Amino acid sequence: MIAVDIEKKLKAYNGLQVLRIKKTFLPRGITRITGPSGAGKTTLLKMIAGLISPDSGTIKTNDTNWFDASQKINLPPQQRRVGFVFQDYALFPNMTVKQHLEYATDDAEWINRLLTIGGLETFANHKPDHLSGGQQQRLAIMRALAIKPKLLLMDEPFSALDMRMKSALIADLQVLFAELGATTLIVSHNPQELDGVSGDELEIG
């Protein structure tokens, strides 16, 4: 379980606005996060991951405080062990597809399984520059899963995929999420793409 009760000032076109989130995300569940551009969806994911600090409040997972402004607790991202799929993929240009996964895990069987699910087996030795946008996005997803995270944060993870690939991948991912016992938060500008996925919803803004 992860419980978020935070505030963060955001710069908006009409000045400052305050992002206030109070939400408990159920363990092993999938939550769709929706809302207009600039509302703070990506900022929320980055605060949970420890990449950005809230101005006030708390972030707790099970019995552990990840962030508590009043007690000056702020665990670094490495200790939170969160899987993160960045909107811009954040791939390493000098690493091959397989090296991206090997950087996160030395479990060869798991790496091969992720390559298969991502449809990247024949591209294992290719670097990101030689991949299409959709292939890069699938690699970003597989890399986030390589550490077998208990919490997976996904920022627009299916935007570069066609409908057929998206549907097949979502079906495979649901199996993996259940197997890992992962709590998953998915930011999406198109919530309809997740209509077949049972879960919760959080609207921001």
Protein backbone atom coordinates (compact mmCIF):
# COMPACT_ATOMS: atom_id res chain seq x y z
CA MET A 1 0.00 0.00 0.00
CA ILE A 2 1.18 3.53 -0.74
CA ALA A 3 -0.42 6.58 0.88
CA VAL A 4 0.18 10.06 -0.51
CA ASP A 5 -0.81 13.28 1.26
CA ILE A 6 1.21 16.10 -0.28
CA GLU A 7 1.20 19.65 -1.63
CA LYS A 8 3.44 21.15 -4.29
CA LYS A 9 3.41 24.61 -5.89
CA LEU A 10 3.41 24.42 -9.69
CA LYS A 11 4.17 27.13 -12.22
CA ALA A 12 1.19 27.61 -14.51
CA TYR A 13 0.50 29.97 -17.41
CA ASN A 14 -1.69 32.08 -15.12
CA GLY A 15 0.78 32.11 -12.22
CA LEU A 16 1.27 29.61 -9.40
CA GLN A 17 -1.15 26.82 -8.66
CA VAL A 18 -1.02 24.28 -5.86
CA LEU A 19 -1.16 20.55 -6.53
CA ARG A 20 -2.87 18.83 -3.60
CA ILE A 21 -3.08 15.05 -3.58
CA LYS A 22 -4.50 12.88 -0.83
CA LYS A 23 -4.87 9.30 -2.00
CA THR A 24 -4.23 5.75 -0.86
CA PHE A 25 -3.30 3.41 -3.70
CA LEU A 26 -4.32 -0.16 -3.05
CA PRO A 27 -1.60 -2.82 -3.21
CA ARG A 28 -1.42 -4.81 -6.45
CA GLY A 29 -3.94 -2.45 -8.04
CA ILE A 30 -3.75 -0.36 -11.22
CA THR A 31 -4.65 3.33 -11.01
CA ARG A 32 -5.20 5.50 -14.07
CA ILE A 33 -4.16 9.11 -13.53
CA THR A 34 -5.88 11.57 -15.83
CA GLY A 35 -6.30 15.33 -16.11
CA PRO A 36 -5.47 18.29 -18.37
CA SER A 37 -1.97 19.14 -19.52
CA GLY A 38 -0.01 20.98 -16.85
CA ALA A 39 -2.19 19.75 -13.99
CA GLY A 40 0.72 17.97 -12.30
CA LYS A 41 0.35 14.32 -13.33
CA THR A 42 4.03 13.83 -14.18
CA THR A 43 5.05 15.86 -11.12
CA LEU A 44 3.05 13.48 -8.91
CA LEU A 45 4.89 10.44 -10.29
CA LYS A 46 8.27 12.13 -9.84
CA MET A 47 7.46 13.05 -6.24
CA ILE A 48 6.50 9.45 -5.43
CA ALA A 49 9.73 8.24 -7.06
CA GLY A 50 11.82 10.74 -5.11
CA LEU A 51 12.96 12.69 -8.17
CA ILE A 52 11.15 15.84 -6.94
CA SER A 53 10.31 16.80 -3.37
CA PRO A 54 6.84 17.96 -2.29
CA ASP A 55 6.60 21.26 -0.42
CA SER A 56 4.75 19.59 2.44
CA GLY A 57 3.05 16.38 3.51
CA THR A 58 3.92 12.69 3.57
CA ILE A 59 4.47 9.71 1.28
CA LYS A 60 4.29 6.33 3.02
CA THR A 61 4.53 2.80 1.74
CA ASN A 62 3.44 0.03 4.09
CA ASP A 63 5.20 0.95 7.35
CA THR A 64 7.98 3.04 5.79
CA ASN A 65 8.09 6.82 5.49
CA TRP A 66 9.51 7.74 2.10
CA PHE A 67 8.85 11.43 2.63
CA ASP A 68 7.77 13.40 5.66
CA ALA A 69 8.30 17.16 5.48
CA SER A 70 7.75 17.73 9.21
CA GLN A 71 10.34 15.08 10.17
CA LYS A 72 12.70 15.98 7.32
CA ILE A 73 12.57 12.44 5.94
CA ASN A 74 13.21 12.10 2.20
CA LEU A 75 14.47 8.70 0.99
CA PRO A 76 16.51 8.90 -2.25
CA PRO A 77 15.17 7.18 -5.39
CA GLN A 78 17.67 4.30 -5.04
CA GLN A 79 16.14 3.29 -1.71
CA ARG A 80 12.57 3.51 -2.99
CA ARG A 81 13.26 0.93 -5.74
CA VAL A 82 10.48 2.20 -7.97
CA GLY A 83 10.12 1.20 -11.62
CA PHE A 84 9.67 4.38 -13.70
CA VAL A 85 8.69 4.66 -17.37
CA PHE A 86 9.56 8.21 -18.44
CA GLN A 87 7.49 10.03 -21.04
CA ASP A 88 10.66 10.78 -23.04
CA TYR A 89 11.98 7.21 -22.42
CA ALA A 90 15.31 8.43 -20.88
CA LEU A 91 17.31 5.71 -22.64
CA PHE A 92 21.11 5.56 -22.64
CA PRO A 93 22.35 6.24 -26.21
CA ASN A 94 25.51 4.13 -25.88
CA MET A 95 23.79 1.04 -24.46
CA THR A 96 22.19 -1.72 -26.50
CA VAL A 97 18.68 -2.95 -25.76
CA LYS A 98 20.03 -5.91 -23.81
CA GLN A 99 22.53 -3.77 -21.91
CA HIS A 100 19.67 -1.55 -20.69
CA LEU A 101 18.11 -4.61 -19.07
CA GLU A 102 21.43 -6.03 -17.83
CA TYR A 103 22.11 -2.71 -16.11
CA ALA A 104 19.04 -3.35 -13.95
CA THR A 105 19.29 -7.12 -13.39
CA ASP A 106 21.63 -10.07 -13.92
CA ASP A 107 18.75 -12.55 -14.23
CA ALA A 108 19.26 -13.81 -17.78
CA GLU A 109 15.98 -15.73 -17.87
CA TRP A 110 14.02 -12.63 -16.80
CA ILE A 111 15.85 -10.50 -19.38
CA ASN A 112 14.97 -12.92 -22.17
CA ARG A 113 11.35 -12.97 -21.06
CA LEU A 114 11.17 -9.17 -21.10
CA LEU A 115 12.76 -9.04 -24.54
CA THR A 116 10.09 -11.43 -25.80
CA ILE A 117 7.19 -9.55 -24.22
CA GLY A 118 8.54 -6.28 -25.62
CA GLY A 119 8.97 -7.79 -29.08
CA LEU A 120 12.65 -6.81 -28.93
CA GLU A 121 14.42 -10.18 -29.23
CA THR A 122 15.85 -9.42 -32.68
CA PHE A 123 16.91 -5.92 -31.58
CA ALA A 124 18.83 -7.02 -28.46
CA ASN A 125 22.14 -5.68 -29.81
CA HIS A 126 20.74 -2.46 -31.26
CA LYS A 127 21.21 0.94 -29.66
CA PRO A 128 18.24 3.33 -29.20
CA ASP A 129 19.12 5.40 -32.31
CA HIS A 130 18.40 2.32 -34.43
CA LEU A 131 14.97 1.70 -32.89
CA SER A 132 11.61 3.17 -33.84
CA GLY A 133 9.72 5.34 -31.36
CA GLY A 134 7.47 2.42 -30.47
CA GLN A 135 10.44 0.10 -29.91
CA GLN A 136 12.13 2.70 -27.70
CA GLN A 137 8.94 3.03 -25.67
CA ARG A 138 8.67 -0.73 -25.22
CA LEU A 139 12.32 -0.83 -24.12
CA ALA A 140 11.62 1.88 -21.53
CA ILE A 141 8.77 -0.25 -20.15
CA MET A 142 10.86 -3.43 -20.03
CA ARG A 143 13.74 -1.62 -18.34
CA ALA A 144 11.38 -0.36 -15.62
CA LEU A 145 10.17 -3.93 -15.08
CA ALA A 146 13.69 -5.41 -15.00
CA ILE A 147 14.14 -4.66 -11.28
CA LYS A 148 10.87 -6.49 -10.51
CA PRO A 149 9.44 -3.41 -8.78
CA LYS A 150 6.65 -3.51 -6.22
CA LEU A 151 5.66 -0.02 -7.38
CA LEU A 152 5.60 0.85 -11.08
CA LEU A 153 5.08 4.42 -12.28
CA MET A 154 4.29 4.85 -15.99
CA ASP A 155 4.11 8.25 -17.71
CA GLU A 156 2.22 8.03 -21.03
CA PRO A 157 3.69 4.56 -21.63
CA PHE A 158 1.68 3.60 -24.73
CA SER A 159 1.59 6.88 -26.70
CA ALA A 160 3.90 5.67 -29.51
CA LEU A 161 2.24 2.27 -30.02
CA ASP A 162 -0.37 1.32 -32.58
CA MET A 163 -3.65 -0.18 -31.40
CA ARG A 164 -2.73 -3.79 -32.09
CA MET A 165 0.65 -3.62 -30.34
CA LYS A 166 -0.86 -1.62 -27.47
CA SER A 167 -3.62 -4.16 -26.81
CA ALA A 168 -1.25 -7.14 -26.91
CA LEU A 169 1.30 -5.43 -24.67
CA ILE A 170 -1.28 -4.32 -22.09
CA ALA A 171 -2.58 -7.90 -21.87
CA ASP A 172 0.96 -9.25 -21.30
CA LEU A 173 1.75 -6.50 -18.79
CA GLN A 174 -1.29 -7.29 -16.68
CA VAL A 175 0.02 -10.84 -16.28
CA LEU A 176 3.42 -9.50 -15.21
CA PHE A 177 1.92 -6.96 -12.79
CA ALA A 178 -0.04 -9.73 -11.08
CA GLU A 179 3.00 -12.01 -10.98
CA LEU A 180 5.17 -9.29 -9.42
CA GLY A 181 2.44 -8.15 -7.05
CA ALA A 182 3.11 -4.64 -8.33
CA THR A 183 1.08 -1.55 -7.57
CA THR A 184 0.90 0.37 -10.85
CA LEU A 185 0.14 4.04 -11.53
CA ILE A 186 -0.37 4.98 -15.18
CA VAL A 187 -0.59 8.57 -16.42
CA SER A 188 -2.54 8.67 -19.66
CA HIS A 189 -3.90 11.42 -21.90
CA ASN A 190 -6.17 8.77 -23.42
CA PRO A 191 -7.83 6.86 -20.56
CA GLN A 192 -9.91 4.88 -23.08
CA GLU A 193 -6.80 2.90 -24.00
CA LEU A 194 -7.04 1.29 -20.56
CA ASP A 195 -10.77 0.54 -20.70
CA GLY A 196 -10.08 -3.19 -20.57
CA VAL A 197 -7.99 -2.82 -17.43
CA SER A 198 -9.83 -3.05 -14.13
CA GLY A 199 -8.62 -0.63 -11.50
CA ASP A 200 -8.97 2.72 -9.80
CA GLU A 201 -8.83 6.24 -11.22
CA LEU A 202 -7.40 9.53 -10.01
CA GLU A 203 -8.27 12.75 -11.84
CA ILE A 204 -6.00 15.75 -11.27
CA GLY A 205 -6.98 19.31 -12.04
